[in-house]
Protein backbone atom coordinates (compact mmCIF):
# COMPACT_ATOMS: atom_id res chain seq x y z
CA MET A 1 3.66 -78.80 19.31
CA SER A 2 0.46 -78.48 21.33
CA TRP A 3 -2.94 -80.04 20.78
CA ARG A 4 -6.09 -78.05 20.21
CA GLY A 5 -9.18 -79.23 21.97
CA GLY A 6 -11.90 -80.84 19.91
CA GLY A 7 -10.39 -81.39 16.47
CA GLY A 8 -7.55 -83.68 17.42
CA TYR A 9 -5.15 -81.87 15.07
CA PRO A 10 -1.82 -80.50 16.26
CA SER A 11 -1.48 -76.72 16.50
CA ILE A 12 1.82 -75.56 15.07
CA SER A 13 3.03 -72.42 16.76
CA ARG A 14 6.78 -72.54 16.01
CA ILE A 15 8.50 -73.64 12.85
CA ASN A 16 12.15 -74.46 12.17
CA VAL A 17 13.81 -72.27 9.56
CA ALA A 18 17.16 -71.53 7.95
CA VAL A 19 17.93 -67.84 7.36
CA ALA A 20 20.38 -66.74 4.66
CA VAL A 21 22.19 -63.43 4.97
CA ALA A 22 23.29 -61.31 1.98
CA GLU A 23 26.86 -62.11 0.95
CA GLU A 24 28.02 -58.54 1.54
CA SER A 25 26.56 -58.70 5.09
CA ARG A 26 28.12 -61.97 6.26
CA ARG A 27 30.57 -60.12 8.50
CA ARG A 28 27.48 -58.73 10.29
CA ILE A 29 25.67 -62.07 10.63
CA TYR A 30 25.42 -61.76 14.41
CA GLU A 31 23.79 -58.32 14.10
CA VAL A 32 21.28 -59.70 11.58
CA ALA A 33 20.58 -62.63 13.92
CA ALA A 34 19.99 -60.16 16.78
CA ALA A 35 17.41 -58.31 14.66
CA CYS A 36 15.70 -61.65 14.06
CA ARG A 37 15.77 -62.50 17.77
CA ALA A 38 13.96 -59.21 18.43
CA LEU A 39 11.07 -60.81 16.48
CA GLY A 40 11.13 -63.91 18.67
CA PHE A 41 13.54 -66.00 16.58
CA GLU A 42 15.44 -68.58 18.66
CA THR A 43 18.88 -69.33 17.21
CA ALA A 44 20.03 -72.95 17.12
CA LEU A 45 23.15 -72.79 14.93
CA THR A 46 25.15 -70.05 13.17
CA LEU A 47 27.23 -70.92 10.10
CA GLU A 48 29.16 -67.68 9.76
CA GLY A 49 31.31 -68.84 6.83
CA ILE A 50 28.32 -69.39 4.55
CA GLY A 51 26.06 -66.69 5.97
CA VAL A 52 23.30 -68.93 7.34
CA PHE A 53 21.77 -69.40 10.76
CA THR A 54 19.06 -71.81 11.84
CA GLY A 55 16.47 -71.82 14.54
CA SER A 56 12.76 -71.47 15.12
CA VAL A 57 10.21 -68.70 14.94
CA GLU A 58 6.52 -68.29 15.63
CA LEU A 59 4.58 -68.93 12.44
CA LYS A 60 2.84 -65.56 12.82
CA ASN A 61 6.28 -63.80 12.63
CA LEU A 62 7.54 -65.57 9.50
CA ALA A 63 6.67 -62.71 7.10
CA ARG A 64 8.31 -60.16 9.42
CA LEU A 65 11.46 -62.31 9.60
CA ARG A 66 11.70 -62.24 5.80
CA ARG A 67 11.67 -58.42 5.87
CA VAL A 68 14.66 -58.04 8.20
CA ALA A 69 17.44 -55.99 6.57
CA ASP A 70 20.14 -58.16 4.94
CA VAL A 71 18.02 -61.35 5.07
CA VAL A 72 17.87 -62.73 1.52
CA ALA A 73 15.99 -65.97 2.17
CA VAL A 74 14.09 -67.83 4.86
CA GLU A 75 13.57 -71.53 4.21
CA ILE A 76 11.10 -73.59 6.21
CA GLU A 77 12.25 -77.00 7.35
CA ARG A 78 10.30 -79.67 5.50
CA GLN A 79 9.50 -82.99 7.10
CA PRO A 80 10.22 -85.99 4.87
CA ARG A 81 7.21 -87.95 3.75
CA LEU A 82 7.32 -91.69 3.94
CA ASN A 83 5.21 -93.48 1.37
CA ALA A 84 3.69 -96.78 2.38
CA CYS A 85 4.42 -99.49 -0.15
């Protein structure tokens, strides 16, 4: 995360995501991941048995990642919120 000058707010350029591959395409998960890497996706972990891989992508490429053939879902990692008591 980098800081923008002036406003003091962090600039988010990459986000962590989990990508789910269509069940009938699980045997091709590495090919699907390669198509995602062509869009700048950086793979962290591949769970071949369940058809999911995780990593990060530039926020500007999120919509394009969702349109990759055989990708059925892209979930953004959510940060837990801690409530002050």
